[in-house]
Structures are given as structure tokens and as C-alpha cells.
Amino acid sequence: MGGELDLFTINHQLSSTITQFKHQLSLSSTINYHSQLSTRDPETASSTPSKKRGATWETCQREDRALAKQVPANDPILNKVGKREDRWQRVADNLMQVGITRSWISCKNRMERLVKWQRSEETRSRQKTGEVEEVNEHLRNMIHIVLLCGSVSNNNLIKQDTKGKIAERKAKGAQGKQLRGRSKSSTLFKNQFAKEVEGVISGLREKAEEFRITIQEPKKAERERIAAEETAAREREKADRDRDLCEKLDVLIDSTRSTNESMQKLMSVIIQGMGGSRGQ
């Protein structure tokens, strides 16, 4: 009986110890679970009564534009060096430098959604904020990213369509380059032609000036001769007027002198007459 009692006591104590250990293990797992929830991204973490969720991507078009700008820079799509998490983490780290805090998985999931919107041509309509140039730049970035994603897609239809679009872009680029080359050659030709035309025009201007001088010199001499004759005529007219005036003055002076002499004679006669009357 004593041996059985000791065995029963040992089993009971062992059972109690195991129960306590399970309880502690369960409590530790619960604590770790809530700790992980508190460190997860606001978009992917489950909501808890004690903590509010962060702003969603849908209300932050600025973050979408920043993400679409950063993805081509880090290229986590075509770049297969290292782990996928590390490639997208670099994107998240660079976004953090501009004040955007998102986890790598949140960035990846958000980009997949942006690609989906771009393929359904919803990108511009979902950009409700931002300047026109910012939205246009975002659209260009998304077109580029969709091509990157399509080039590594597991969907053969998407992959073939992407190859066609890339080939079309290359063809347009080559055509544009060719047109720019032609335009440059045309510009050089136009510049050379313009210089030659300017030289011809300059020569014609010099000839025209010489011809004008040749034509104008006789006319100038003629005008000077006429002006000299007119001046001489005016001087002659003035001299004639001065001479006439002098002659008239001479006549007036002679007339005045004759009148004075007559008056003197008359006065003498009068005086003599008055003297004779007094003598009588």
C-alpha cells in the first residue's frame, strides 16, 4: 500500500506539473501572437480593440505615386538577386526616407493592385489628388511597371502581349530616333541654306546700294544746281529791290531839298516884304 500510495502521489504531482507547463506555453504563445500583430503593417494587421489601424493606401494617392516612382528605381521585379523580401524591403526603406512607413509585403501587395488597375485603365480615375504633371508622371511609371511585370508573368497571354508592346515601343523609339536624326540633318541643311541665302542677300544689298548711289549722285548734283540757281535768283531779286529803294530814296531826297529851297526863297520874300512895310 505504501508503494502504491507513493506512485499515486508521484503521478498526481507529474500531472499537475504538465498542466502548469501547458498553461504557461499557451500564455506565451498568446503574448507572441499579439506582439506580432502590433508590429505588422497597418494595412495587413488585424484590428484590435486597443489599437487603431493606420491610413489605407486608397486614401493616400501621394503614397501610390511615390511607390510607383520607387519601384522602377530599385527594380524588385526583374532583379532576382537575393530574397524577394530583401528586394521589396529596399523599396520600403527608401519610401521611409520620404515619410512613408509601409512594410515590404504591403508595398508588394499594393503594387500588384496598382498593376491590376493599370491593366484595366483605372489609374488616372483613381488619382483624385495631385497636380496634373504628377498624375501624368505616375501614369508613365505605371505603364513601365506593367511592362516589367508582364515580361516575367506566368500567364502566357500577358507575357506575349507584353512582348508585343515592348517591341512596339522599341520600334517607335527607333523610328523617333530616325526622325530626330532626319530632323537634325534637315536642320543642318536649313542652317547652311539660310547662311548661303543670307550671303546672297547681303551681296544683293551691296549691289543695290551701289546702284542707288550711282543713280542718286546725278540727281543730287541736279538738285544742288537748281538750289544754287534759286539762291542766285533770290539774291538778284533782293539786289533789284534794294536798287529800286535807293533810287526812290534819292528822288525823295532831291524832292525834299527842292522843297526846302523853295520854302527858303519864299521866306526871304516874305521877310523882305515885311521889312519894306516897316520903313514906310
C-alpha atoms as a PDB file:
ATOM      1  CA  MET A   1       0.000   0.000   0.000  1.00  0.00           C
ATOM      2  CA  GLY A   2       2.815   2.417   0.828  1.00  0.00           C
ATOM      3  CA  GLY A   3       4.455   1.801  -2.560  1.00  0.00           C
ATOM      4  CA  GLU A   4       1.159   2.282  -4.397  1.00  0.00           C
ATOM      5  CA  LEU A   5       0.473   5.490  -2.442  1.00  0.00           C
ATOM      6  CA  ASP A   6       3.851   6.883  -3.329  1.00  0.00           C
ATOM      7  CA  LEU A   7       3.313   6.030  -7.000  1.00  0.00           C
ATOM      8  CA  PHE A   8      -0.117   7.699  -6.956  1.00  0.00           C
ATOM      9  CA  THR A   9       1.350  10.815  -5.371  1.00  0.00           C
ATOM     10  CA  ILE A  10       4.130  10.970  -7.936  1.00  0.00           C
ATOM     11  CA  ASN A  11       1.672  10.617 -10.851  1.00  0.00           C
ATOM     12  CA  HIS A  12      -0.537  13.352  -9.404  1.00  0.00           C
ATOM     13  CA  GLN A  13       2.373  15.736  -8.991  1.00  0.00           C
ATOM     14  CA  LEU A  14       3.625  14.962 -12.507  1.00  0.00           C
ATOM     15  CA  SER A  15       0.160  15.605 -13.955  1.00  0.00           C
ATOM     16  CA  SER A  16      -0.063  18.948 -12.132  1.00  0.00           C
ATOM     17  CA  THR A  17       3.365  19.959 -13.411  1.00  0.00           C
ATOM     18  CA  ILE A  18       2.428  19.101 -17.015  1.00  0.00           C
ATOM     19  CA  THR A  19      -0.808  21.092 -16.719  1.00  0.00           C
ATOM     20  CA  GLN A  20       1.036  24.152 -15.423  1.00  0.00           C
ATOM     21  CA  PHE A  21       3.607  23.855 -18.219  1.00  0.00           C
ATOM     22  CA  LYS A  22       0.869  23.714 -20.886  1.00  0.00           C
ATOM     23  CA  HIS A  23      -0.804  26.764 -19.377  1.00  0.00           C
ATOM     24  CA  GLN A  24       2.452  28.744 -19.430  1.00  0.00           C
ATOM     25  CA  LEU A  25       3.140  27.638 -23.014  1.00  0.00           C
ATOM     26  CA  SER A  26      -0.331  28.736 -24.121  1.00  0.00           C
ATOM     27  CA  LEU A  27       0.073  32.096 -22.395  1.00  0.00           C
ATOM     28  CA  SER A  28       3.475  32.630 -24.044  1.00  0.00           C
ATOM     29  CA  SER A  29       2.032  31.843 -27.491  1.00  0.00           C
ATOM     30  CA  THR A  30      -0.785  34.329 -26.946  1.00  0.00           C
ATOM     31  CA  ILE A  31       1.667  37.058 -25.948  1.00  0.00           C
ATOM     32  CA  ASN A  32       3.844  36.406 -29.022  1.00  0.00           C
ATOM     33  CA  TYR A  33       0.802  36.469 -31.281  1.00  0.00           C
ATOM     34  CA  HIS A  34      -0.348  39.877 -30.035  1.00  0.00           C
ATOM     35  CA  SER A  35       3.221  41.151 -30.214  1.00  0.00           C
ATOM     36  CA  GLN A  36       3.374  40.188 -33.894  1.00  0.00           C
ATOM     37  CA  LEU A  37       0.052  41.890 -34.534  1.00  0.00           C
ATOM     38  CA  SER A  38       1.337  45.124 -33.024  1.00  0.00           C
ATOM     39  CA  THR A  39       4.378  45.177 -35.347  1.00  0.00           C
ATOM     40  CA  ARG A  40       2.575  44.300 -38.583  1.00  0.00           C
ATOM     41  CA  ASP A  41       1.746  46.858 -41.284  1.00  0.00           C
ATOM     42  CA  PRO A  42      -1.418  48.901 -40.644  1.00  0.00           C
ATOM     43  CA  GLU A  43      -2.969  47.579 -43.865  1.00  0.00           C
ATOM     44  CA  THR A  44      -2.392  43.866 -43.200  1.00  0.00           C
ATOM     45  CA  ALA A  45      -2.625  43.740 -39.396  1.00  0.00           C
ATOM     46  CA  SER A  46      -5.906  42.666 -37.797  1.00  0.00           C
ATOM     47  CA  SER A  47      -7.700  45.350 -35.861  1.00  0.00           C
ATOM     48  CA  THR A  48      -7.694  45.090 -32.085  1.00  0.00           C
ATOM     49  CA  PRO A  49      -9.824  46.985 -29.580  1.00  0.00           C
ATOM     50  CA  SER A  50      -6.751  48.620 -28.043  1.00  0.00           C
ATOM     51  CA  LYS A  51      -5.118  49.908 -31.290  1.00  0.00           C
ATOM     52  CA  LYS A  52      -6.490  51.708 -34.362  1.00  0.00           C
ATOM     53  CA  ARG A  53      -5.462  50.843 -37.906  1.00  0.00           C
ATOM     54  CA  GLY A  54      -3.288  53.220 -39.928  1.00  0.00           C
ATOM     55  CA  ALA A  55      -4.385  55.080 -43.064  1.00  0.00           C
ATOM     56  CA  THR A  56      -5.143  52.826 -46.013  1.00  0.00           C
ATOM     57  CA  TRP A  57      -3.417  53.146 -49.366  1.00  0.00           C
ATOM     58  CA  GLU A  58      -6.710  54.119 -51.023  1.00  0.00           C
ATOM     59  CA  THR A  59      -6.755  57.459 -49.203  1.00  0.00           C
ATOM     60  CA  CYS A  60      -3.099  58.240 -49.934  1.00  0.00           C
ATOM     61  CA  GLN A  61      -2.631  58.723 -53.682  1.00  0.00           C
ATOM     62  CA  ARG A  62       0.629  60.502 -52.879  1.00  0.00           C
ATOM     63  CA  GLU A  63       1.965  57.219 -51.482  1.00  0.00           C
ATOM     64  CA  ASP A  64       0.853  55.390 -54.627  1.00  0.00           C
ATOM     65  CA  ARG A  65       2.775  57.863 -56.759  1.00  0.00           C
ATOM     66  CA  ALA A  66       5.849  57.549 -54.538  1.00  0.00           C
ATOM     67  CA  LEU A  67       5.664  53.746 -54.684  1.00  0.00           C
ATOM     68  CA  ALA A  68       5.314  53.739 -58.480  1.00  0.00           C
ATOM     69  CA  LYS A  69       8.314  56.053 -58.699  1.00  0.00           C
ATOM     70  CA  GLN A  70      10.466  53.963 -56.346  1.00  0.00           C
ATOM     71  CA  VAL A  71       9.758  50.522 -57.825  1.00  0.00           C
ATOM     72  CA  PRO A  72      11.494  51.214 -61.177  1.00  0.00           C
ATOM     73  CA  ALA A  73      14.425  52.715 -59.258  1.00  0.00           C
ATOM     74  CA  ASN A  74      15.010  49.602 -57.104  1.00  0.00           C
ATOM     75  CA  ASP A  75      13.518  47.167 -59.644  1.00  0.00           C
ATOM     76  CA  PRO A  76      12.413  44.354 -57.326  1.00  0.00           C
ATOM     77  CA  ILE A  77      10.573  42.786 -60.273  1.00  0.00           C
ATOM     78  CA  LEU A  78      13.321  41.928 -62.764  1.00  0.00           C
ATOM     79  CA  ASN A  79      16.147  41.966 -60.236  1.00  0.00           C
ATOM     80  CA  LYS A  80      16.353  38.410 -58.913  1.00  0.00           C
ATOM     81  CA  VAL A  81      19.436  38.902 -56.754  1.00  0.00           C
ATOM     82  CA  GLY A  82      18.772  37.977 -53.126  1.00  0.00           C
ATOM     83  CA  LYS A  83      15.480  37.174 -51.471  1.00  0.00           C
ATOM     84  CA  ARG A  84      12.209  38.684 -52.589  1.00  0.00           C
ATOM     85  CA  GLU A  85      11.671  40.116 -49.106  1.00  0.00           C
ATOM     86  CA  ASP A  86      15.031  41.888 -49.238  1.00  0.00           C
ATOM     87  CA  ARG A  87      14.339  43.413 -52.655  1.00  0.00           C
ATOM     88  CA  TRP A  88      10.981  44.810 -51.587  1.00  0.00           C
ATOM     89  CA  GLN A  89      12.393  45.842 -48.226  1.00  0.00           C
ATOM     90  CA  ARG A  90      14.749  48.208 -50.057  1.00  0.00           C
ATOM     91  CA  VAL A  91      11.687  49.797 -51.631  1.00  0.00           C
ATOM     92  CA  ALA A  92      10.066  50.166 -48.206  1.00  0.00           C
ATOM     93  CA  ASP A  93      13.274  51.621 -46.735  1.00  0.00           C
ATOM     94  CA  ASN A  94      13.503  54.246 -49.474  1.00  0.00           C
ATOM     95  CA  LEU A  95       9.851  55.161 -49.006  1.00  0.00           C
ATOM     96  CA  MET A  96      10.502  55.611 -45.298  1.00  0.00           C
ATOM     97  CA  GLN A  97      13.093  58.276 -46.166  1.00  0.00           C
ATOM     98  CA  VAL A  98      10.290  60.394 -47.666  1.00  0.00           C
ATOM     99  CA  GLY A  99       7.981  59.873 -44.691  1.00  0.00           C
ATOM    100  CA  ILE A 100       6.033  56.803 -45.874  1.00  0.00           C
ATOM    101  CA  THR A 101       6.068  53.871 -43.444  1.00  0.00           C
ATOM    102  CA  ARG A 102       4.975  50.603 -45.064  1.00  0.00           C
ATOM    103  CA  SER A 103       6.206  47.028 -44.768  1.00  0.00           C
ATOM    104  CA  TRP A 104       7.759  45.242 -47.705  1.00  0.00           C
ATOM    105  CA  ILE A 105       4.752  42.933 -48.110  1.00  0.00           C
ATOM    106  CA  SER A 106       2.395  45.909 -48.037  1.00  0.00           C
ATOM    107  CA  CYS A 107       4.421  47.601 -50.797  1.00  0.00           C
ATOM    108  CA  LYS A 108       4.406  44.425 -52.873  1.00  0.00           C
ATOM    109  CA  ASN A 109       0.673  43.830 -52.442  1.00  0.00           C
ATOM    110  CA  ARG A 110      -0.118  47.454 -53.187  1.00  0.00           C
ATOM    111  CA  MET A 111       1.939  47.385 -56.362  1.00  0.00           C
ATOM    112  CA  GLU A 112       0.085  44.280 -57.524  1.00  0.00           C
ATOM    113  CA  ARG A 113      -3.170  46.172 -57.061  1.00  0.00           C
ATOM    114  CA  LEU A 114      -1.822  49.223 -58.921  1.00  0.00           C
ATOM    115  CA  VAL A 115      -0.767  46.957 -61.792  1.00  0.00           C
ATOM    116  CA  LYS A 116      -4.265  45.475 -61.867  1.00  0.00           C
ATOM    117  CA  TRP A 117      -5.788  48.968 -62.063  1.00  0.00           C
ATOM    118  CA  GLN A 118      -3.388  49.980 -64.803  1.00  0.00           C
ATOM    119  CA  ARG A 119      -4.284  46.945 -66.887  1.00  0.00           C
ATOM    120  CA  SER A 120      -7.959  47.833 -66.527  1.00  0.00           C
ATOM    121  CA  GLU A 121      -7.171  51.506 -67.339  1.00  0.00           C
ATOM    122  CA  GLU A 122      -8.301  52.790 -63.939  1.00  0.00           C
ATOM    123  CA  THR A 123      -5.062  54.512 -62.901  1.00  0.00           C
ATOM    124  CA  ARG A 124      -5.990  58.072 -63.825  1.00  0.00           C
ATOM    125  CA  SER A 125      -9.528  57.865 -62.443  1.00  0.00           C
ATOM    126  CA  ARG A 126      -8.215  56.667 -59.073  1.00  0.00           C
ATOM    127  CA  GLN A 127      -5.788  59.590 -58.777  1.00  0.00           C
ATOM    128  CA  LYS A 128      -8.135  62.092 -57.160  1.00  0.00           C
ATOM    129  CA  THR A 129      -5.358  64.294 -55.744  1.00  0.00           C
ATOM    130  CA  GLY A 130      -2.124  65.767 -57.054  1.00  0.00           C
ATOM    131  CA  GLU A 131      -1.157  68.131 -59.839  1.00  0.00           C
ATOM    132  CA  VAL A 132      -1.713  67.194 -63.471  1.00  0.00           C
ATOM    133  CA  GLU A 133       2.010  66.685 -64.075  1.00  0.00           C
ATOM    134  CA  GLU A 134       2.280  64.429 -61.001  1.00  0.00           C
ATOM    135  CA  VAL A 135      -0.590  62.260 -62.224  1.00  0.00           C
ATOM    136  CA  ASN A 136       0.892  62.106 -65.731  1.00  0.00           C
ATOM    137  CA  GLU A 137       4.257  61.033 -64.320  1.00  0.00           C
ATOM    138  CA  HIS A 138       2.512  58.376 -62.219  1.00  0.00           C
ATOM    139  CA  LEU A 139       0.740  57.085 -65.317  1.00  0.00           C
ATOM    140  CA  ARG A 140       4.040  56.850 -67.217  1.00  0.00           C
ATOM    141  CA  ASN A 141       5.641  54.984 -64.310  1.00  0.00           C
ATOM    142  CA  MET A 142       2.753  52.525 -64.139  1.00  0.00           C
ATOM    143  CA  ILE A 143       2.935  51.830 -67.877  1.00  0.00           C
ATOM    144  CA  HIS A 144       6.610  50.981 -67.416  1.00  0.00           C
ATOM    145  CA  ILE A 145       5.939  48.811 -64.342  1.00  0.00           C
ATOM    146  CA  VAL A 146       3.159  46.888 -66.096  1.00  0.00           C
ATOM    147  CA  LEU A 147       5.602  46.030 -68.871  1.00  0.00           C
ATOM    148  CA  LEU A 148       8.138  44.866 -66.276  1.00  0.00           C
ATOM    149  CA  CYS A 149       5.549  42.668 -64.569  1.00  0.00           C
ATOM    150  CA  GLY A 150       4.252  41.336 -67.852  1.00  0.00           C
ATOM    151  CA  SER A 151       7.715  40.323 -69.017  1.00  0.00           C
ATOM    152  CA  VAL A 152       8.069  37.910 -66.061  1.00  0.00           C
ATOM    153  CA  SER A 153       4.409  36.890 -65.795  1.00  0.00           C
ATOM    154  CA  ASN A 154       3.465  33.209 -65.618  1.00  0.00           C
ATOM    155  CA  ASN A 155       0.448  33.968 -67.791  1.00  0.00           C
ATOM    156  CA  ASN A 156       1.492  33.282 -71.373  1.00  0.00           C
ATOM    157  CA  LEU A 157      -1.136  35.632 -72.813  1.00  0.00           C
ATOM    158  CA  ILE A 158       0.086  38.514 -70.675  1.00  0.00           C
ATOM    159  CA  LYS A 159       3.683  37.650 -71.468  1.00  0.00           C
ATOM    160  CA  GLN A 160       3.075  37.561 -75.225  1.00  0.00           C
ATOM    161  CA  ASP A 161       1.088  40.798 -75.097  1.00  0.00           C
ATOM    162  CA  THR A 162       3.912  42.431 -73.145  1.00  0.00           C
ATOM    163  CA  LYS A 163       6.498  41.279 -75.665  1.00  0.00           C
ATOM    164  CA  GLY A 164       4.420  42.822 -78.424  1.00  0.00           C
ATOM    165  CA  LYS A 165       4.122  46.124 -76.563  1.00  0.00           C
ATOM    166  CA  ILE A 166       7.847  46.190 -75.787  1.00  0.00           C
ATOM    167  CA  ALA A 167       8.650  45.508 -79.437  1.00  0.00           C
ATOM    168  CA  GLU A 168       6.228  48.253 -80.454  1.00  0.00           C
ATOM    169  CA  ARG A 169       7.866  50.699 -78.038  1.00  0.00           C
ATOM    170  CA  LYS A 170      11.302  49.794 -79.371  1.00  0.00           C
ATOM    171  CA  ALA A 171      10.087  50.285 -82.933  1.00  0.00           C
ATOM    172  CA  LYS A 172       8.613  53.662 -82.040  1.00  0.00           C
ATOM    173  CA  GLY A 173      11.814  54.588 -80.245  1.00  0.00           C
ATOM    174  CA  ALA A 174      13.903  53.628 -83.266  1.00  0.00           C
ATOM    175  CA  GLN A 175      11.521  55.492 -85.546  1.00  0.00           C
ATOM    176  CA  GLY A 176      11.648  58.520 -83.287  1.00  0.00           C
ATOM    177  CA  LYS A 177      15.435  58.342 -83.224  1.00  0.00           C
ATOM    178  CA  GLN A 178      15.492  58.109 -87.005  1.00  0.00           C
ATOM    179  CA  LEU A 179      13.113  61.044 -87.297  1.00  0.00           C
ATOM    180  CA  ARG A 180      15.228  63.042 -84.868  1.00  0.00           C
ATOM    181  CA  GLY A 181      18.287  62.199 -86.960  1.00  0.00           C
ATOM    182  CA  ARG A 182      16.489  63.329 -90.089  1.00  0.00           C
ATOM    183  CA  SER A 183      15.266  66.409 -88.320  1.00  0.00           C
ATOM    184  CA  LYS A 184      18.813  67.172 -87.199  1.00  0.00           C
ATOM    185  CA  SER A 185      20.126  66.704 -90.746  1.00  0.00           C
ATOM    186  CA  SER A 186      17.286  68.810 -92.067  1.00  0.00           C
ATOM    187  CA  THR A 187      18.085  71.489 -89.509  1.00  0.00           C
ATOM    188  CA  LEU A 188      21.750  71.491 -90.509  1.00  0.00           C
ATOM    189  CA  PHE A 189      20.769  71.735 -94.177  1.00  0.00           C
ATOM    190  CA  LYS A 190      18.351  74.555 -93.408  1.00  0.00           C
ATOM    191  CA  ASN A 191      21.012  76.396 -91.439  1.00  0.00           C
ATOM    192  CA  GLN A 192      23.539  76.004 -94.254  1.00  0.00           C
ATOM    193  CA  PHE A 193      20.969  77.063 -96.832  1.00  0.00           C
ATOM    194  CA  ALA A 194      19.989  80.025 -94.666  1.00  0.00           C
ATOM    195  CA  LYS A 195      23.637  81.095 -94.454  1.00  0.00           C
ATOM    196  CA  GLU A 196      24.018  80.850 -98.220  1.00  0.00           C
ATOM    197  CA  VAL A 197      20.813  82.787 -98.797  1.00  0.00           C
ATOM    198  CA  GLU A 198      21.936  85.420 -96.309  1.00  0.00           C
ATOM    199  CA  GLY A 199      25.222  85.735 -98.199  1.00  0.00           C
ATOM    200  CA  VAL A 200      23.392  86.186-101.492  1.00  0.00           C
ATOM    201  CA  ILE A 201      21.021  88.725 -99.950  1.00  0.00           C
ATOM    202  CA  SER A 202      23.949  90.614 -98.439  1.00  0.00           C
ATOM    203  CA  GLY A 203      25.634  90.773-101.849  1.00  0.00           C
ATOM    204  CA  LEU A 204      22.424  91.992-103.454  1.00  0.00           C
ATOM    205  CA  ARG A 205      22.094  94.661-100.801  1.00  0.00           C
ATOM    206  CA  GLU A 206      25.600  95.912-101.534  1.00  0.00           C
ATOM    207  CA  LYS A 207      24.879  95.982-105.268  1.00  0.00           C
ATOM    208  CA  ALA A 208      21.601  97.766-104.664  1.00  0.00           C
ATOM    209  CA  GLU A 209      23.357 100.357-102.524  1.00  0.00           C
ATOM    210  CA  GLU A 210      25.975 100.950-105.205  1.00  0.00           C
ATOM    211  CA  PHE A 211      23.259 101.275-107.846  1.00  0.00           C
ATOM    212  CA  ARG A 212      21.317 103.646-105.636  1.00  0.00           C
ATOM    213  CA  ILE A 213      24.391 105.813-105.160  1.00  0.00           C
ATOM    214  CA  THR A 214      25.072 105.765-108.896  1.00  0.00           C
ATOM    215  CA  ILE A 215      21.519 106.838-109.645  1.00  0.00           C
ATOM    216  CA  GLN A 216      21.255 109.315-106.810  1.00  0.00           C
ATOM    217  CA  GLU A 217      24.524 111.215-107.450  1.00  0.00           C
ATOM    218  CA  PRO A 218      23.384 112.928-110.697  1.00  0.00           C
ATOM    219  CA  LYS A 219      20.064 113.731-109.119  1.00  0.00           C
ATOM    220  CA  LYS A 220      21.857 115.176-106.137  1.00  0.00           C
ATOM    221  CA  ALA A 221      24.060 117.323-108.383  1.00  0.00           C
ATOM    222  CA  GLU A 222      20.995 118.472-110.296  1.00  0.00           C
ATOM    223  CA  ARG A 223      19.222 119.358-107.060  1.00  0.00           C
ATOM    224  CA  GLU A 224      22.280 121.292-105.884  1.00  0.00           C
ATOM    225  CA  ARG A 225      22.474 123.187-109.222  1.00  0.00           C
ATOM    226  CA  ILE A 226      18.794 124.080-109.057  1.00  0.00           C
ATOM    227  CA  ALA A 227      19.158 125.171-105.447  1.00  0.00           C
ATOM    228  CA  ALA A 228      22.148 127.356-106.381  1.00  0.00           C
ATOM    229  CA  GLU A 229      20.234 128.955-109.250  1.00  0.00           C
ATOM    230  CA  GLU A 230      17.263 129.620-106.997  1.00  0.00           C
ATOM    231  CA  THR A 231      19.562 131.184-104.409  1.00  0.00           C
ATOM    232  CA  ALA A 232      21.186 133.379-107.069  1.00  0.00           C
ATOM    233  CA  ALA A 233      17.783 134.423-108.386  1.00  0.00           C
ATOM    234  CA  ARG A 234      16.652 135.371-104.899  1.00  0.00           C
ATOM    235  CA  GLU A 235      19.826 137.377-104.408  1.00  0.00           C
ATOM    236  CA  ARG A 236      19.284 139.171-107.727  1.00  0.00           C
ATOM    237  CA  GLU A 237      15.719 139.963-106.805  1.00  0.00           C
ATOM    238  CA  LYS A 238      16.897 141.330-103.483  1.00  0.00           C
ATOM    239  CA  ALA A 239      19.555 143.429-105.190  1.00  0.00           C
ATOM    240  CA  ASP A 240      16.960 144.798-107.626  1.00  0.00           C
ATOM    241  CA  ARG A 241      14.650 145.683-104.754  1.00  0.00           C
ATOM    242  CA  ASP A 242      17.487 147.378-102.905  1.00  0.00           C
ATOM    243  CA  ARG A 243      18.421 149.364-106.011  1.00  0.00           C
ATOM    244  CA  ASP A 244      14.833 150.474-106.601  1.00  0.00           C
ATOM    245  CA  LEU A 245      14.589 151.515-102.989  1.00  0.00           C
ATOM    246  CA  CYS A 246      17.783 153.533-103.238  1.00  0.00           C
ATOM    247  CA  GLU A 247      16.566 155.277-106.362  1.00  0.00           C
ATOM    248  CA  LYS A 248      13.280 156.144-104.705  1.00  0.00           C
ATOM    249  CA  LEU A 249      15.146 157.470-101.689  1.00  0.00           C
ATOM    250  CA  ASP A 250      17.306 159.625-103.946  1.00  0.00           C
ATOM    251  CA  VAL A 251      14.221 161.040-105.640  1.00  0.00           C
ATOM    252  CA  LEU A 252      12.649 161.715-102.270  1.00  0.00           C
ATOM    253  CA  ILE A 253      15.798 163.429-101.031  1.00  0.00           C
ATOM    254  CA  ASP A 254      16.016 165.596-104.160  1.00  0.00           C
ATOM    255  CA  SER A 255      12.363 166.491-103.854  1.00  0.00           C
ATOM    256  CA  THR A 256      12.789 167.362-100.200  1.00  0.00           C
ATOM    257  CA  ARG A 257      15.833 169.515-100.988  1.00  0.00           C
ATOM    258  CA  SER A 258      13.988 171.358-103.760  1.00  0.00           C
ATOM    259  CA  THR A 259      11.053 171.932-101.462  1.00  0.00           C
ATOM    260  CA  ASN A 260      13.322 173.312 -98.784  1.00  0.00           C
ATOM    261  CA  GLU A 261      14.957 175.707-101.247  1.00  0.00           C
ATOM    262  CA  SER A 262      11.573 176.942-102.411  1.00  0.00           C
ATOM    263  CA  MET A 263      10.485 177.468 -98.837  1.00  0.00           C
ATOM    264  CA  GLN A 264      13.637 179.397 -98.083  1.00  0.00           C
ATOM    265  CA  LYS A 265      13.093 181.689-101.075  1.00  0.00           C
ATOM    266  CA  LEU A 266       9.515 182.228-100.047  1.00  0.00           C
ATOM    267  CA  MET A 267      10.535 183.064 -96.528  1.00  0.00           C
ATOM    268  CA  SER A 268      13.103 185.552 -97.837  1.00  0.00           C
ATOM    269  CA  VAL A 269      10.489 187.311 -99.965  1.00  0.00           C
ATOM    270  CA  ILE A 270       8.109 187.447 -97.034  1.00  0.00           C
ATOM    271  CA  ILE A 271      10.760 188.834 -94.742  1.00  0.00           C
ATOM    272  CA  GLN A 272      11.779 191.475 -97.283  1.00  0.00           C
ATOM    273  CA  GLY A 273       8.166 192.475 -97.754  1.00  0.00           C
ATOM    274  CA  MET A 274       7.681 192.856 -94.055  1.00  0.00           C
ATOM    275  CA  GLY A 275      10.824 194.984 -93.785  1.00  0.00           C
ATOM    276  CA  GLY A 276       9.651 197.424 -96.503  1.00  0.00           C
ATOM    277  CA  SER A 277       6.337 197.877 -94.782  1.00  0.00           C
ATOM    278  CA  ARG A 278       8.016 198.904 -91.558  1.00  0.00           C
ATOM    279  CA  GLY A 279      10.180 201.521 -93.345  1.00  0.00           C
ATOM    280  CA  GLN A 280       7.194 203.288 -94.724  1.00  0.00           C
END
